[in-house]
Amino acid sequence: MGLNRGGIGASMTCSAIWESSHAMPQNYVPIFIFIAIVGSLLPITLLAAKLVRPDNPSKTKLMPYECGIDPIDSARGRYTVRYYIIAILFVVFDVETIFLFPWAVKFKAFGLFGLIEILIFLAILIVGYIWVWGKGALEWV
């Protein structure tokens, strides 16, 4: 009675409002079906793999494997600082090159300013690379 007073939404009844606000969107049904299929296939494939694989452990098979070399020392060996420096430099230069992709997508919209800006960016990157190379930080041994 109180809902039908005229104006916007006057033709909607109380049950129609409740159904429209609590109805599940139809776009999510394929996602739920996919989740159900994956959720059922995971245990099935794991169980099938357990039933099919041979189960004959031996001392050799239970030994740690390190690239074909028998482990002779503790796994807690120390790495040189050079390893970490190379890893950090890789991350830095890799992240810097990621900045080139948005520029490449919109390079025509940036015009001459964008070209000069990316040339300055690349010059700083190349100078940094030459400096690191000159310091010998890229030498592994």
Protein backbone atom coordinates (compact mmCIF):
# COMPACT_ATOMS: atom_id res chain seq x y z
CA MET A 1 0.00 0.00 0.00
CA GLY A 2 2.70 2.48 0.91
CA LEU A 3 4.82 1.74 -2.16
CA ASN A 4 2.33 2.62 -4.91
CA ARG A 5 1.90 6.38 -4.52
CA GLY A 6 2.84 7.38 -8.05
CA GLY A 7 6.02 8.70 -9.56
CA ILE A 8 9.18 6.66 -10.17
CA GLY A 9 8.73 2.96 -9.44
CA ALA A 10 5.00 3.23 -8.92
CA SER A 11 4.33 0.08 -10.94
CA MET A 12 6.67 -2.09 -8.83
CA THR A 13 5.14 -4.12 -6.05
CA CYS A 14 6.83 -5.08 -2.82
CA SER A 15 7.55 -8.63 -4.04
CA ALA A 16 9.04 -7.35 -7.31
CA ILE A 17 11.40 -5.04 -5.39
CA TRP A 18 12.46 -7.91 -3.10
CA GLU A 19 13.07 -10.27 -6.05
CA SER A 20 15.10 -7.73 -8.00
CA SER A 21 17.31 -6.90 -5.01
CA HIS A 22 17.92 -10.56 -4.04
CA ALA A 23 18.21 -12.17 -7.47
CA MET A 24 21.59 -13.66 -8.37
CA PRO A 25 23.16 -11.99 -11.40
CA GLN A 26 23.20 -14.38 -14.32
CA ASN A 27 26.75 -13.37 -15.27
CA TYR A 28 28.19 -15.24 -12.27
CA VAL A 29 26.69 -18.63 -13.16
CA PRO A 30 29.56 -19.64 -15.53
CA ILE A 31 32.09 -18.70 -12.85
CA PHE A 32 30.34 -20.88 -10.28
CA ILE A 33 30.16 -23.75 -12.78
CA PHE A 34 33.89 -23.38 -13.49
CA ILE A 35 34.70 -23.37 -9.77
CA ALA A 36 32.59 -26.50 -9.28
CA ILE A 37 34.31 -28.31 -12.17
CA VAL A 38 37.79 -27.37 -10.95
CA GLY A 39 36.89 -28.23 -7.38
CA SER A 40 35.79 -31.70 -8.43
CA LEU A 41 38.60 -32.36 -10.92
CA LEU A 42 41.42 -31.51 -8.51
CA PRO A 43 40.82 -34.37 -6.07
CA ILE A 44 39.94 -36.75 -8.91
CA THR A 45 43.24 -36.14 -10.74
CA LEU A 46 45.26 -36.32 -7.51
CA LEU A 47 43.61 -39.62 -6.59
CA ALA A 48 44.13 -41.01 -10.11
CA ALA A 49 47.82 -40.04 -10.01
CA LYS A 50 48.23 -41.75 -6.63
CA LEU A 51 46.60 -44.94 -7.91
CA VAL A 52 48.63 -45.08 -11.14
CA ARG A 53 52.13 -44.15 -9.97
CA PRO A 54 54.53 -46.79 -8.68
CA ASP A 55 55.23 -46.68 -4.96
CA ASN A 56 58.66 -48.19 -4.34
CA PRO A 57 60.83 -45.77 -2.38
CA SER A 58 64.48 -46.59 -1.85
CA LYS A 59 67.40 -44.86 -0.15
CA THR A 60 68.60 -43.45 -3.47
CA LYS A 61 65.16 -42.12 -4.42
CA LEU A 62 64.64 -40.48 -1.03
CA MET A 63 68.00 -38.67 -1.20
CA PRO A 64 67.96 -34.92 -1.98
CA TYR A 65 68.63 -34.18 -5.65
CA GLU A 66 70.79 -31.21 -6.59
CA CYS A 67 71.27 -31.01 -10.36
CA GLY A 68 72.74 -34.51 -10.63
CA ILE A 69 75.38 -33.86 -7.98
CA ASP A 70 75.35 -35.75 -4.70
CA PRO A 71 74.87 -33.33 -1.83
CA ILE A 72 78.04 -33.39 0.26
CA ASP A 73 77.70 -30.33 2.45
CA SER A 74 75.09 -28.40 4.38
CA ALA A 75 72.31 -26.74 2.42
CA ARG A 76 72.89 -23.60 4.47
CA GLY A 77 75.87 -22.52 2.37
CA ARG A 78 76.65 -18.84 2.04
CA TYR A 79 76.29 -16.94 -1.18
CA THR A 80 78.61 -14.13 -2.10
CA VAL A 81 77.34 -10.57 -2.01
CA ARG A 82 77.91 -10.39 -5.77
CA TYR A 83 75.00 -12.80 -6.31
CA TYR A 84 72.60 -10.45 -4.52
CA ILE A 85 73.95 -7.40 -6.33
CA ILE A 86 73.33 -9.03 -9.70
CA ALA A 87 69.83 -10.08 -8.61
CA ILE A 88 68.97 -6.54 -7.46
CA LEU A 89 70.40 -5.02 -10.65
CA PHE A 90 68.32 -7.41 -12.72
CA VAL A 91 65.17 -6.39 -10.88
CA VAL A 92 66.00 -2.68 -11.18
CA PHE A 93 66.68 -2.80 -14.93
CA ASP A 94 63.73 -5.10 -15.52
CA VAL A 95 61.35 -2.75 -13.71
CA GLU A 96 62.79 0.21 -15.57
CA THR A 97 62.06 -1.41 -18.92
CA ILE A 98 58.45 -2.01 -17.85
CA PHE A 99 58.01 1.77 -17.94
CA LEU A 100 58.64 1.66 -21.69
CA PHE A 101 55.42 -0.24 -22.47
CA PRO A 102 52.89 2.49 -21.55
CA TRP A 103 54.98 5.00 -23.48
CA ALA A 104 55.07 2.69 -26.52
CA VAL A 105 51.28 2.42 -26.48
CA LYS A 106 50.71 6.19 -26.39
CA PHE A 107 53.86 7.53 -28.06
CA LYS A 108 51.96 9.41 -30.79
CA ALA A 109 49.81 11.20 -28.21
CA PHE A 110 52.89 12.44 -26.30
CA GLY A 111 54.44 14.09 -29.34
CA LEU A 112 57.88 15.69 -29.17
CA PHE A 113 57.71 16.10 -25.38
CA GLY A 114 57.18 12.34 -24.96
CA LEU A 115 60.08 11.57 -27.30
CA ILE A 116 62.46 13.85 -25.40
CA GLU A 117 61.23 12.47 -22.08
CA ILE A 118 61.83 8.84 -23.08
CA LEU A 119 65.25 9.69 -24.54
CA ILE A 120 66.26 11.25 -21.21
CA PHE A 121 64.89 8.19 -19.40
CA LEU A 122 66.86 5.82 -21.64
CA ALA A 123 70.01 7.96 -21.32
CA ILE A 124 69.83 7.74 -17.51
CA LEU A 125 69.23 3.99 -17.77
CA ILE A 126 72.18 3.48 -20.14
CA VAL A 127 74.50 5.65 -18.03
CA GLY A 128 73.53 3.60 -14.97
CA TYR A 129 74.18 0.37 -16.85
CA ILE A 130 77.61 1.57 -18.04
CA TRP A 131 78.49 2.71 -14.50
CA VAL A 132 77.52 -0.69 -13.03
CA TRP A 133 79.47 -2.47 -15.77
CA GLY A 134 82.48 -0.27 -15.16
CA LYS A 135 82.38 -1.02 -11.42
CA GLY A 136 82.55 -4.73 -12.24
CA ALA A 137 79.26 -5.55 -10.55
CA LEU A 138 78.18 -7.68 -13.51
CA GLU A 139 81.20 -9.99 -13.30
CA TRP A 140 80.06 -13.28 -11.85
CA VAL A 141 83.45 -14.78 -10.91
